[in-house]
């Protein structure tokens, strides 16, 4: 079983960019994912600055496996939609310039009615983004927002203009009532990117994020299933809650290395 590369989100470390790279290297990450709206914006780096960033990245033996584009509004919300699309395309350009091939997106909850105006707008927008991604050499991977797997599969099947995949979040599936391992198999053809995040289902049914290895996900089975579906991308350690996110990320990387050691 090939060993998967493992990265950490910059949000776990909560440091300036240069210090983030140093800290990521020190905790054993092989890459760092940044948010292009809040952590590493295209406007933050001139052409010279990008060359310096990439040089320091190489010195730290790190890569940028992907970038993340966070949006406050759904990709069918008409308010500032054209500006949001333009910003997404600019983020794809930036992703390519930093040597990555994946931009993860939150697009909002997928409308369940495939004939609704919102769904038709979303389909058109994502086909346009996929077409642009095909042109620049970067694929968008959408991060589900508690969506039904059937709705995800239908949307993926409706995007025909270029590559569009899933940013698979096992904790998100677990906390929305779906076993992540069967979901890997069901959605395997669209999985471009995988988060390493753990969780529990609580009494209310809403779920709770916990430190990786302390939740209900069977990581041995999960990683073995990634191999089964021939996933060869990255595992991105992320922690959105907790008081010691950097420590949790370091322990998560160690945990994953232990279970993903070459056989």
Protein backbone atom coordinates (compact mmCIF):
# COMPACT_ATOMS: atom_id res chain seq x y z
CA UNK A 1 0.00 0.00 0.00
CA UNK A 2 1.60 3.31 -1.08
CA UNK A 3 2.12 5.87 1.69
CA UNK A 4 -0.01 8.99 1.27
CA UNK A 5 1.51 12.44 1.67
CA UNK A 6 0.22 14.35 4.68
CA UNK A 7 -0.29 18.07 5.03
CA UNK A 8 -1.72 20.41 7.64
CA UNK A 9 -4.00 23.40 7.25
CA UNK A 10 -2.44 26.74 8.13
CA UNK A 11 -5.47 27.45 10.32
CA UNK A 12 -4.32 24.75 12.76
CA UNK A 13 -1.08 26.64 13.36
CA UNK A 14 -2.48 30.20 13.40
CA UNK A 15 0.84 31.89 12.60
CA UNK A 16 2.15 34.30 9.95
CA UNK A 17 3.00 32.63 6.65
CA UNK A 18 6.76 32.15 7.11
CA UNK A 19 6.32 30.93 10.69
CA UNK A 20 3.55 28.60 9.50
CA UNK A 21 5.96 26.90 7.11
CA UNK A 22 8.61 26.53 9.81
CA UNK A 23 6.10 25.10 12.29
CA UNK A 24 4.62 22.73 9.72
CA UNK A 25 8.05 21.34 8.91
CA UNK A 26 8.84 20.92 12.61
CA UNK A 27 5.72 18.84 13.30
CA UNK A 28 6.39 16.52 10.38
CA UNK A 29 3.97 17.78 7.75
CA UNK A 30 4.90 17.41 4.09
CA UNK A 31 2.69 20.26 2.96
CA UNK A 32 0.53 23.20 4.04
CA UNK A 33 -2.90 24.21 2.79
CA UNK A 34 -3.74 27.92 2.95
CA UNK A 35 -7.02 29.78 2.56
CA UNK A 36 -6.64 32.26 -0.30
CA UNK A 37 -9.07 34.75 1.21
CA UNK A 38 -7.83 34.89 4.79
CA UNK A 39 -4.33 33.39 5.05
CA UNK A 40 -2.42 33.74 1.78
CA UNK A 41 -4.05 36.09 -0.70
CA UNK A 42 -2.80 36.50 -4.28
CA UNK A 43 -2.40 40.23 -3.57
CA UNK A 44 -0.04 39.43 -0.66
CA UNK A 45 2.69 38.15 -2.99
CA UNK A 46 4.27 39.98 -5.90
CA UNK A 47 5.97 37.93 -8.59
CA UNK A 48 9.20 38.26 -6.62
CA UNK A 49 7.35 37.40 -3.43
CA UNK A 50 5.97 34.23 -5.00
CA UNK A 51 9.42 33.12 -6.07
CA UNK A 52 10.72 33.76 -2.55
CA UNK A 53 7.77 31.89 -1.05
CA UNK A 54 8.38 28.87 -3.29
CA UNK A 55 12.11 28.94 -2.53
CA UNK A 56 11.49 28.94 1.23
CA UNK A 57 8.83 26.26 0.83
CA UNK A 58 11.42 24.06 -0.89
CA UNK A 59 14.00 24.80 1.81
CA UNK A 60 11.50 23.54 4.38
CA UNK A 61 10.91 20.39 2.27
CA UNK A 62 7.24 21.31 1.95
CA UNK A 63 4.67 21.56 -0.82
CA UNK A 64 1.36 23.33 -1.25
CA UNK A 65 -0.94 20.37 -1.95
CA UNK A 66 -3.99 22.57 -2.48
CA UNK A 67 -5.47 25.94 -1.62
CA UNK A 68 -8.87 26.64 -0.13
CA UNK A 69 -11.35 29.30 -1.23
CA UNK A 70 -13.84 30.18 1.49
CA UNK A 71 -17.06 31.95 0.54
CA UNK A 72 -19.75 33.34 2.79
CA UNK A 73 -22.47 32.85 0.18
CA UNK A 74 -23.63 29.89 -1.86
CA UNK A 75 -22.61 29.67 -5.51
CA UNK A 76 -26.25 30.11 -6.54
CA UNK A 77 -26.84 33.21 -4.42
CA UNK A 78 -27.21 36.04 -6.94
CA UNK A 79 -25.70 38.62 -4.58
CA UNK A 80 -22.21 39.41 -5.97
CA UNK A 81 -22.17 36.09 -7.82
CA UNK A 82 -20.09 37.34 -10.76
CA UNK A 83 -17.51 38.78 -8.39
CA UNK A 84 -17.42 35.46 -6.50
CA UNK A 85 -16.87 33.55 -9.74
CA UNK A 86 -14.08 35.93 -10.77
CA UNK A 87 -12.42 35.55 -7.36
CA UNK A 88 -12.63 31.76 -7.68
CA UNK A 89 -10.93 31.86 -11.07
CA UNK A 90 -8.21 34.16 -9.70
CA UNK A 91 -7.71 31.68 -6.86
CA UNK A 92 -7.31 28.90 -9.43
CA UNK A 93 -4.61 30.93 -11.19
CA UNK A 94 -2.84 31.45 -7.85
CA UNK A 95 -3.13 27.75 -7.04
CA UNK A 96 -1.35 26.87 -10.27
CA UNK A 97 1.36 29.49 -9.65
CA UNK A 98 2.13 27.86 -6.28
CA UNK A 99 2.51 24.44 -7.87
CA UNK A 100 -0.76 22.94 -6.65
CA UNK A 101 -3.47 21.30 -8.73
CA UNK A 102 -6.51 21.45 -6.41
CA UNK A 103 -8.62 24.35 -5.13
CA UNK A 104 -11.21 23.34 -2.54
CA UNK A 105 -14.51 25.22 -2.44
CA UNK A 106 -17.54 25.46 -0.21
CA UNK A 107 -20.43 26.09 -2.58
CA UNK A 108 -23.33 26.04 -0.12
CA UNK A 109 -25.89 23.33 0.48
CA UNK A 110 -26.80 21.61 -2.80
CA UNK A 111 -30.45 22.23 -3.71
CA UNK A 112 -32.35 18.94 -3.60
CA UNK A 113 -34.64 19.83 -6.52
CA UNK A 114 -32.66 19.41 -9.74
CA UNK A 115 -35.18 21.57 -11.61
CA UNK A 116 -35.08 24.48 -9.17
CA UNK A 117 -33.61 27.84 -10.30
CA UNK A 118 -30.93 27.59 -7.61
CA UNK A 119 -29.78 24.17 -8.81
CA UNK A 120 -29.72 25.28 -12.45
CA UNK A 121 -27.63 28.34 -11.53
CA UNK A 122 -25.25 26.18 -9.49
CA UNK A 123 -24.85 23.71 -12.37
CA UNK A 124 -24.07 26.52 -14.80
CA UNK A 125 -21.59 28.19 -12.44
CA UNK A 126 -19.74 24.97 -11.65
CA UNK A 127 -19.54 24.00 -15.31
CA UNK A 128 -17.95 27.38 -15.97
CA UNK A 129 -15.48 26.91 -13.12
CA UNK A 130 -14.67 23.39 -14.32
CA UNK A 131 -14.12 24.67 -17.85
CA UNK A 132 -11.75 27.36 -16.56
CA UNK A 133 -9.95 24.83 -14.38
CA UNK A 134 -9.41 22.63 -17.40
CA UNK A 135 -7.79 25.61 -19.12
CA UNK A 136 -5.41 26.53 -16.26
CA UNK A 137 -4.63 23.02 -15.04
CA UNK A 138 -6.35 23.22 -11.65
CA UNK A 139 -9.35 21.19 -10.54
CA UNK A 140 -11.96 22.45 -8.11
CA UNK A 141 -12.98 20.07 -5.33
CA UNK A 142 -16.15 20.95 -3.47
CA UNK A 143 -16.40 20.47 0.29
CA UNK A 144 -19.88 19.12 1.13
CA UNK A 145 -22.07 20.97 3.62
CA UNK A 146 -24.00 18.05 5.06
CA UNK A 147 -25.35 17.14 1.63
CA UNK A 148 -27.06 13.86 0.86
CA UNK A 149 -24.66 11.57 -1.07
CA UNK A 150 -27.24 11.12 -3.81
CA UNK A 151 -27.40 14.91 -4.32
CA UNK A 152 -23.60 15.05 -4.48
CA UNK A 153 -23.46 12.26 -7.06
CA UNK A 154 -26.17 13.89 -9.18
CA UNK A 155 -24.35 17.23 -9.17
CA UNK A 156 -21.02 15.61 -10.03
CA UNK A 157 -22.67 13.84 -12.94
CA UNK A 158 -24.07 17.14 -14.21
CA UNK A 159 -20.64 18.79 -14.51
CA UNK A 160 -19.40 17.94 -17.98
CA UNK A 161 -17.23 20.93 -19.01
CA UNK A 162 -14.09 19.98 -17.10
CA UNK A 163 -12.79 18.38 -13.91
CA UNK A 164 -14.77 18.84 -10.71
CA UNK A 165 -14.34 16.61 -7.70
CA UNK A 166 -15.02 16.23 -4.00
CA UNK A 167 -13.02 17.38 -1.03
CA UNK A 168 -13.92 14.37 1.11
CA UNK A 169 -14.41 15.22 4.79
CA UNK A 170 -14.98 11.98 6.74
CA UNK A 171 -15.95 13.84 9.92
CA UNK A 172 -18.51 15.87 7.99
CA UNK A 173 -20.11 12.71 6.63
CA UNK A 174 -20.07 11.06 10.06
CA UNK A 175 -21.65 14.04 11.78
CA UNK A 176 -24.39 14.22 9.16
CA UNK A 177 -25.31 10.58 9.75
CA UNK A 178 -23.32 8.77 7.03
CA UNK A 179 -20.61 6.15 7.53
CA UNK A 180 -17.52 7.59 5.79
CA UNK A 181 -16.14 4.26 4.54
CA UNK A 182 -19.16 3.28 2.40
CA UNK A 183 -19.28 6.90 1.20
CA UNK A 184 -15.67 6.58 -0.01
CA UNK A 185 -16.68 3.62 -2.13
CA UNK A 186 -19.92 5.20 -3.36
CA UNK A 187 -18.33 8.50 -4.38
CA UNK A 188 -14.84 7.22 -5.23
CA UNK A 189 -14.76 8.37 -8.84
CA UNK A 190 -15.10 12.02 -7.79
CA UNK A 191 -12.74 12.10 -4.78
CA UNK A 192 -9.88 14.48 -5.59
CA UNK A 193 -8.90 15.57 -2.08
CA UNK A 194 -9.29 14.13 1.44
CA UNK A 195 -9.39 15.83 4.82
CA UNK A 196 -8.15 14.05 7.94
CA UNK A 197 -10.67 15.13 10.55
CA UNK A 198 -12.45 13.07 13.20
CA UNK A 199 -15.77 13.37 14.96
CA UNK A 200 -18.49 11.92 17.13
CA UNK A 201 -22.24 11.83 16.76
CA UNK A 202 -23.76 13.42 19.84
CA UNK A 203 -27.20 12.96 21.38
CA UNK A 204 -28.66 15.82 19.34
CA UNK A 205 -27.55 14.18 16.10
CA UNK A 206 -25.51 17.22 15.07
CA UNK A 207 -22.08 15.76 15.80
CA UNK A 208 -18.91 17.03 17.44
CA UNK A 209 -15.40 17.37 16.02
CA UNK A 210 -12.72 15.71 18.17
CA UNK A 211 -8.99 15.08 17.99
CA UNK A 212 -8.11 12.61 15.25
CA UNK A 213 -8.12 9.06 16.61
CA UNK A 214 -10.51 9.96 19.44
CA UNK A 215 -13.67 9.82 17.36
CA UNK A 216 -15.82 7.18 15.72
CA UNK A 217 -13.92 6.90 12.45
CA UNK A 218 -11.93 3.69 12.02
CA UNK A 219 -8.79 5.19 10.48
CA UNK A 220 -7.18 1.86 9.70
CA UNK A 221 -10.21 0.90 7.64
CA UNK A 222 -10.50 4.40 6.18
CA UNK A 223 -6.89 4.49 4.96
CA UNK A 224 -7.15 0.93 3.63
CA UNK A 225 -10.26 1.95 1.70
CA UNK A 226 -8.41 4.91 0.20
CA UNK A 227 -5.92 2.38 -1.14
CA UNK A 228 -8.77 0.17 -2.35
CA UNK A 229 -10.24 3.01 -4.43
CA UNK A 230 -6.73 3.89 -5.71
CA UNK A 231 -6.67 7.34 -4.12
CA UNK A 232 -3.18 8.79 -4.54
CA UNK A 233 -3.73 12.34 -3.36
CA UNK A 234 -3.00 14.02 -0.04
CA UNK A 235 -4.40 13.67 3.47
CA UNK A 236 -4.98 17.17 4.87
CA UNK A 237 -4.98 17.28 8.66
CA UNK A 238 -7.37 19.93 9.91
CA UNK A 239 -8.81 20.91 13.25
CA UNK A 240 -11.50 23.58 13.43
CA UNK A 241 -12.20 23.31 17.18
CA UNK A 242 -10.24 22.72 20.37
CA UNK A 243 -7.82 24.79 22.44
CA UNK A 244 -4.60 23.15 21.18
CA UNK A 245 -5.09 22.84 17.45
CA UNK A 246 -1.39 22.87 16.65
CA UNK A 247 -0.74 20.09 19.17
CA UNK A 248 -3.73 18.15 17.90
CA UNK A 249 -2.42 18.51 14.33
CA UNK A 250 1.03 17.24 15.33
CA UNK A 251 -0.48 14.23 17.10
CA UNK A 252 -2.75 13.58 14.11
CA UNK A 253 0.20 13.52 11.72
CA UNK A 254 2.04 11.07 13.97
CA UNK A 255 -1.07 8.90 14.28
CA UNK A 256 -1.55 8.79 10.51
CA UNK A 257 2.12 8.00 9.89
CA UNK A 258 1.85 5.06 12.27
CA UNK A 259 -1.16 3.53 10.55
CA UNK A 260 -0.03 4.41 7.01
CA UNK A 261 3.51 3.06 7.32
CA UNK A 262 4.72 1.09 4.28
CA UNK A 263 3.82 -2.59 4.54
